[in-house]
């Protein structure tokens, strides 16, 4: 096992809102950062800088950036904040730079990515993350951060030594990023998956804020009952009623916000719904669990997009 050194370069792919917050925070703490950008992003970045605004504080930096297609150096530590549908493709493009000792952190919505990686890049070790830190891009490479949430990380593929977990913890702490290592990240991932399956597709179909879904309680109740049956069949013990209550509580808490799926639809981007409701339906079919409500909603979305 290679030794993790304090000067290990942190490569960050996916410079959206969250990726920008992480990159600026690591950079401010003195960690060497390299941004992995697409060609069109690189030309735009070369004419600007990376800026994070947190309350009255404004921090700007200019970490080195490179085209993802051009990298040929070993990557020991990769933080990946790209959309679910781009992750496997990205890792395949980087496969000559990644190795069996690389620390790879994935932060995204949905499930099914780890199964894809197991099939195509089984030698890689993966840490998954769930982030509740708030952030939005004012413009490319300028992000407003709200650091009240937390980054939860945990192992999902391969084994990690204690010194590697300690290195990750130290990096996040020194970057002043609220952070917690989870021994059971998969349970948290299943719960987030269930919540996103319950909310995101409806905000896209109804073209609404999260809180407007409170007007569709009967539909939510039917959806969450099906979703709970499916995830319970895979070891996540939760009743439809309990999931429904969690969804209602979340909608009340983030009622004025828009889901990531709504934003993707508004900007005519691909959504992560194939890794949410699409994946849910596949999981249900594998266990022969009927999900007529979710199938109907998925069909409505598929014909509309």
Protein backbone atom coordinates (compact mmCIF):
# COMPACT_ATOMS: atom_id res chain seq x y z
CA UNK A 1 0.00 0.00 0.00
CA UNK A 2 1.35 3.37 -0.98
CA UNK A 3 1.75 5.93 1.79
CA UNK A 4 -0.64 8.87 1.68
CA UNK A 5 1.47 12.00 1.88
CA UNK A 6 0.36 15.43 3.16
CA UNK A 7 1.28 16.96 -0.21
CA UNK A 8 -0.88 14.52 -2.16
CA UNK A 9 -2.59 16.40 -5.00
CA UNK A 10 -6.37 16.54 -4.73
CA UNK A 11 -7.84 16.15 -8.23
CA UNK A 12 -11.41 17.44 -8.49
CA UNK A 13 -13.70 16.58 -11.40
CA UNK A 14 -17.06 18.28 -11.73
CA UNK A 15 -16.82 21.98 -10.98
CA UNK A 16 -20.49 22.66 -10.41
CA UNK A 17 -21.70 24.19 -7.16
CA UNK A 18 -20.43 21.45 -4.83
CA UNK A 19 -17.20 20.81 -6.72
CA UNK A 20 -16.42 24.53 -6.64
CA UNK A 21 -16.98 24.69 -2.87
CA UNK A 22 -14.71 21.71 -2.27
CA UNK A 23 -12.01 22.98 -4.63
CA UNK A 24 -11.95 26.48 -3.14
CA UNK A 25 -12.01 25.13 0.42
CA UNK A 26 -9.13 22.71 -0.17
CA UNK A 27 -7.19 25.40 -2.01
CA UNK A 28 -7.63 27.91 0.82
CA UNK A 29 -6.36 25.37 3.34
CA UNK A 30 -3.13 24.93 1.37
CA UNK A 31 -3.78 21.54 -0.24
CA UNK A 32 -2.46 21.25 -3.81
CA UNK A 33 -5.51 21.17 -6.11
CA UNK A 34 -5.80 20.23 -9.77
CA UNK A 35 -9.12 20.77 -11.55
CA UNK A 36 -10.15 18.27 -14.23
CA UNK A 37 -12.27 20.16 -16.77
CA UNK A 38 -13.84 19.57 -20.15
CA UNK A 39 -12.30 21.43 -23.07
CA UNK A 40 -14.99 24.16 -23.22
CA UNK A 41 -14.76 24.66 -19.44
CA UNK A 42 -10.99 24.97 -19.59
CA UNK A 43 -11.04 27.87 -22.06
CA UNK A 44 -13.59 29.69 -19.89
CA UNK A 45 -11.64 29.01 -16.69
CA UNK A 46 -8.42 30.35 -18.19
CA UNK A 47 -10.11 33.75 -18.48
CA UNK A 48 -11.44 33.81 -14.91
CA UNK A 49 -10.69 32.33 -11.49
CA UNK A 50 -12.39 30.20 -8.87
CA UNK A 51 -14.35 32.26 -6.34
CA UNK A 52 -16.30 31.15 -3.26
CA UNK A 53 -18.65 33.50 -1.39
CA UNK A 54 -19.73 32.50 2.11
CA UNK A 55 -21.73 35.19 3.87
CA UNK A 56 -19.63 38.37 3.88
CA UNK A 57 -16.45 36.44 3.08
CA UNK A 58 -15.14 36.17 -0.47
CA UNK A 59 -12.21 33.98 -1.43
CA UNK A 60 -10.64 33.66 -4.89
CA UNK A 61 -7.93 31.30 -6.12
CA UNK A 62 -6.56 29.95 -9.37
CA UNK A 63 -5.60 26.29 -8.97
CA UNK A 64 -4.08 24.54 -12.00
CA UNK A 65 -6.60 23.02 -14.39
CA UNK A 66 -6.26 20.52 -17.21
CA UNK A 67 -8.38 18.94 -19.90
CA UNK A 68 -9.66 15.54 -18.73
CA UNK A 69 -8.64 14.12 -22.11
CA UNK A 70 -5.02 15.21 -21.71
CA UNK A 71 -4.13 13.89 -18.27
CA UNK A 72 -1.52 11.13 -18.22
CA UNK A 73 -0.10 11.38 -14.68
CA UNK A 74 -0.95 9.07 -11.76
CA UNK A 75 -3.94 10.18 -9.66
CA UNK A 76 -3.70 9.20 -5.99
CA UNK A 77 -6.72 11.18 -4.72
CA UNK A 78 -9.78 11.98 -6.87
CA UNK A 79 -12.95 13.76 -5.74
CA UNK A 80 -15.65 13.29 -8.36
CA UNK A 81 -18.71 15.59 -8.29
CA UNK A 82 -20.02 14.96 -11.80
CA UNK A 83 -23.54 13.77 -12.57
CA UNK A 84 -24.30 10.06 -12.12
CA UNK A 85 -24.51 9.39 -15.86
CA UNK A 86 -20.99 10.77 -16.44
CA UNK A 87 -19.13 8.94 -13.66
CA UNK A 88 -18.33 5.62 -15.31
CA UNK A 89 -17.33 7.33 -18.56
CA UNK A 90 -15.06 9.70 -16.63
CA UNK A 91 -13.35 6.88 -14.72
CA UNK A 92 -12.85 4.93 -17.94
CA UNK A 93 -11.16 7.97 -19.51
CA UNK A 94 -8.91 8.24 -16.45
CA UNK A 95 -8.24 4.51 -16.10
CA UNK A 96 -4.58 4.81 -17.13
CA UNK A 97 -4.03 7.39 -14.37
CA UNK A 98 -6.01 5.55 -11.69
CA UNK A 99 -4.52 2.57 -9.89
CA UNK A 100 -5.44 0.06 -7.19
CA UNK A 101 -4.27 2.42 -4.44
CA UNK A 102 -6.11 5.51 -5.71
CA UNK A 103 -8.56 7.07 -3.25
CA UNK A 104 -11.72 7.87 -5.25
CA UNK A 105 -14.61 9.80 -3.70
CA UNK A 106 -17.94 9.93 -5.59
CA UNK A 107 -20.63 12.43 -4.60
CA UNK A 108 -23.77 12.13 -6.73
CA UNK A 109 -27.48 11.28 -6.72
CA UNK A 110 -28.91 7.84 -7.37
CA UNK A 111 -27.77 4.23 -7.16
CA UNK A 112 -26.29 1.77 -9.64
CA UNK A 113 -22.94 3.48 -10.32
CA UNK A 114 -20.93 1.17 -8.06
CA UNK A 115 -22.32 -1.85 -9.94
CA UNK A 116 -21.15 -0.30 -13.23
CA UNK A 117 -17.68 0.31 -11.79
CA UNK A 118 -17.45 -3.25 -10.46
CA UNK A 119 -18.10 -4.56 -13.97
CA UNK A 120 -15.76 -2.25 -15.89
CA UNK A 121 -13.08 -1.21 -13.39
CA UNK A 122 -13.13 -3.83 -10.62
CA UNK A 123 -9.65 -2.91 -9.38
CA UNK A 124 -10.76 0.53 -8.16
CA UNK A 125 -11.63 1.38 -4.56
CA UNK A 126 -14.58 3.69 -4.05
CA UNK A 127 -15.79 5.97 -1.25
CA UNK A 128 -19.29 7.38 -1.64
CA UNK A 129 -20.44 10.69 -0.25
CA UNK A 130 -23.69 12.34 0.74
CA UNK A 131 -23.54 16.10 1.00
CA UNK A 132 -26.04 18.41 2.69
CA UNK A 133 -23.94 21.55 2.24
CA UNK A 134 -25.91 24.22 0.38
CA UNK A 135 -24.38 25.96 -2.64
CA UNK A 136 -25.35 27.54 -5.93
CA UNK A 137 -23.41 28.90 -8.86
CA UNK A 138 -23.81 32.60 -9.53
CA UNK A 139 -21.90 32.00 -12.76
CA UNK A 140 -19.31 29.43 -13.83
CA UNK A 141 -16.53 29.21 -11.21
CA UNK A 142 -18.28 31.62 -8.82
CA UNK A 143 -20.15 29.81 -6.06
CA UNK A 144 -22.20 30.90 -3.06
CA UNK A 145 -21.68 28.44 -0.19
CA UNK A 146 -23.78 27.73 2.89
CA UNK A 147 -21.69 25.54 5.15
CA UNK A 148 -24.31 24.55 7.70
CA UNK A 149 -24.67 21.01 6.33
CA UNK A 150 -22.19 18.15 6.32
CA UNK A 151 -20.25 15.86 3.99
CA UNK A 152 -20.81 12.20 4.96
CA UNK A 153 -18.31 9.74 3.48
CA UNK A 154 -17.99 5.97 3.70
CA UNK A 155 -16.49 2.96 1.93
CA UNK A 156 -18.58 1.16 -0.70
CA UNK A 157 -15.98 -0.74 -2.74
CA UNK A 158 -12.59 -2.10 -1.69
CA UNK A 159 -10.76 -1.66 1.60
CA UNK A 160 -9.16 1.48 3.06
CA UNK A 161 -6.49 1.61 5.73
CA UNK A 162 -6.97 3.65 8.88
CA UNK A 163 -4.24 6.07 7.79
CA UNK A 164 -6.12 6.74 4.54
CA UNK A 165 -9.36 7.49 6.38
CA UNK A 166 -7.37 9.74 8.71
CA UNK A 167 -5.83 11.55 5.72
CA UNK A 168 -9.30 12.22 4.29
CA UNK A 169 -10.62 13.39 7.67
CA UNK A 170 -7.66 15.72 8.17
CA UNK A 171 -8.03 17.15 4.65
CA UNK A 172 -11.71 17.99 5.17
CA UNK A 173 -11.15 19.36 8.66
CA UNK A 174 -8.27 21.59 7.59
CA UNK A 175 -10.43 22.85 4.73
CA UNK A 176 -13.10 23.82 7.32
CA UNK A 177 -15.62 21.54 5.61
CA UNK A 178 -18.13 19.95 8.01
CA UNK A 179 -17.37 16.26 7.64
CA UNK A 180 -18.17 12.84 9.08
CA UNK A 181 -16.90 9.35 8.27
CA UNK A 182 -19.71 6.78 8.22
CA UNK A 183 -19.17 3.09 8.85
CA UNK A 184 -22.57 2.41 7.22
CA UNK A 185 -22.82 4.90 4.37
CA UNK A 186 -24.97 2.51 2.33
CA UNK A 187 -27.96 2.88 4.66
CA UNK A 188 -27.74 6.66 4.23
CA UNK A 189 -27.45 6.21 0.45
CA UNK A 190 -30.58 4.05 0.35
CA UNK A 191 -32.52 6.62 2.36
CA UNK A 192 -31.38 9.50 0.14
CA UNK A 193 -32.25 7.38 -2.89
CA UNK A 194 -35.76 6.81 -1.54
CA UNK A 195 -36.29 10.51 -0.80
CA UNK A 196 -35.01 11.58 -4.21
CA UNK A 197 -37.16 8.98 -5.98
CA UNK A 198 -40.18 10.35 -4.12
CA UNK A 199 -39.57 14.02 -4.94
CA UNK A 200 -37.41 14.72 -7.97
CA UNK A 201 -39.51 13.16 -10.72
CA UNK A 202 -42.65 14.90 -9.46
CA UNK A 203 -41.02 18.34 -9.43
CA UNK A 204 -40.06 17.72 -13.08
CA UNK A 205 -43.55 16.53 -14.08
CA UNK A 206 -45.41 19.26 -12.18
CA UNK A 207 -42.78 21.91 -12.99
CA UNK A 208 -42.76 23.13 -9.39
CA UNK A 209 -40.83 23.89 -6.23
CA UNK A 210 -40.33 21.11 -3.71
CA UNK A 211 -42.92 22.51 -1.32
CA UNK A 212 -45.67 22.49 -3.96
CA UNK A 213 -45.65 18.69 -3.78
CA UNK A 214 -47.40 18.97 -0.41
CA UNK A 215 -50.55 19.52 -2.51
CA UNK A 216 -50.17 15.97 -3.88
CA UNK A 217 -50.26 13.99 -0.64
CA UNK A 218 -52.29 11.07 -1.99
CA UNK A 219 -49.90 10.51 -4.89
CA UNK A 220 -46.89 10.80 -2.58
CA UNK A 221 -48.42 8.24 -0.25
CA UNK A 222 -48.84 5.72 -3.06
CA UNK A 223 -45.33 6.37 -4.40
CA UNK A 224 -43.60 6.06 -1.04
CA UNK A 225 -45.46 2.83 -0.26
CA UNK A 226 -44.08 1.26 -3.45
CA UNK A 227 -40.58 2.68 -2.91
CA UNK A 228 -40.48 1.40 0.68
CA UNK A 229 -41.46 -2.11 -0.46
CA UNK A 230 -38.62 -2.15 -2.99
CA UNK A 231 -35.83 -0.87 -0.77
CA UNK A 232 -37.00 -3.11 2.09
CA UNK A 233 -36.50 -6.08 -0.22
CA UNK A 234 -32.83 -5.05 -0.43
CA UNK A 235 -32.30 -4.87 3.32
CA UNK A 236 -33.39 -1.30 4.13
CA UNK A 237 -36.16 -1.80 6.65
CA UNK A 238 -38.67 1.04 6.39
CA UNK A 239 -42.45 1.16 6.09
CA UNK A 240 -44.32 3.16 3.49
CA UNK A 241 -45.82 5.28 6.26
CA UNK A 242 -42.42 6.08 7.76
CA UNK A 243 -40.99 7.01 4.35
CA UNK A 244 -44.01 9.18 3.62
CA UNK A 245 -43.50 11.03 6.91
CA UNK A 246 -39.80 11.58 6.08
CA UNK A 247 -40.72 12.93 2.64
CA UNK A 248 -43.31 15.35 4.07
CA UNK A 249 -40.83 16.56 6.69
CA UNK A 250 -38.19 17.14 4.01
CA UNK A 251 -40.62 18.99 1.74
CA UNK A 252 -41.54 21.32 4.59
CA UNK A 253 -37.86 21.97 5.33
CA UNK A 254 -36.78 22.65 1.73
CA UNK A 255 -40.10 23.85 0.36
CA UNK A 256 -38.74 27.00 -1.28
CA UNK A 257 -35.96 25.12 -3.09
CA UNK A 258 -36.00 23.44 -6.50
CA UNK A 259 -34.80 19.88 -6.98
CA UNK A 260 -31.70 19.16 -9.06
CA UNK A 261 -33.93 17.37 -11.58
CA UNK A 262 -36.14 20.44 -11.97
CA UNK A 263 -33.05 22.58 -12.58
CA UNK A 264 -31.68 20.10 -15.11
CA UNK A 265 -34.98 20.14 -17.00
CA UNK A 266 -35.09 23.93 -17.00
CA UNK A 267 -31.59 24.06 -18.48
CA UNK A 268 -32.39 21.26 -20.95
CA UNK A 269 -29.74 18.99 -19.44
CA UNK A 270 -29.82 15.25 -18.94
CA UNK A 271 -31.23 14.24 -15.58
CA UNK A 272 -30.11 11.60 -13.08
CA UNK A 273 -33.58 10.02 -13.01
CA UNK A 274 -32.35 6.81 -14.74
CA UNK A 275 -30.28 6.28 -11.56
CA UNK A 276 -33.29 7.17 -9.38
CA UNK A 277 -36.76 6.07 -10.50
CA UNK A 278 -35.41 4.18 -13.50
CA UNK A 279 -33.11 2.18 -11.23
CA UNK A 280 -35.90 1.71 -8.68
CA UNK A 281 -38.07 0.05 -11.32
CA UNK A 282 -35.21 -2.28 -12.32
CA UNK A 283 -34.68 -3.23 -8.67
CA UNK A 284 -38.41 -3.91 -8.30
CA UNK A 285 -38.50 -6.10 -11.40
CA UNK A 286 -35.57 -8.17 -10.12
CA UNK A 287 -37.58 -8.94 -6.98
CA UNK A 288 -40.92 -9.17 -8.87
CA UNK A 289 -42.41 -6.30 -6.83
CA UNK A 290 -45.22 -4.40 -8.61
CA UNK A 291 -44.70 -0.62 -8.83
CA UNK A 292 -47.53 0.62 -11.09
CA UNK A 293 -47.51 4.21 -9.79
CA UNK A 294 -43.77 4.64 -10.27
CA UNK A 295 -43.89 2.97 -13.69
CA UNK A 296 -46.67 5.33 -14.79
CA UNK A 297 -44.72 8.38 -13.62
CA UNK A 298 -41.54 7.09 -15.29
CA UNK A 299 -43.44 6.60 -18.55
CA UNK A 300 -44.87 10.12 -18.32
CA UNK A 301 -41.39 11.53 -17.80
CA UNK A 302 -39.86 9.43 -20.58
CA UNK A 303 -42.40 10.63 -23.15
CA UNK A 304 -42.16 14.27 -22.06
CA UNK A 305 -38.37 14.82 -21.88
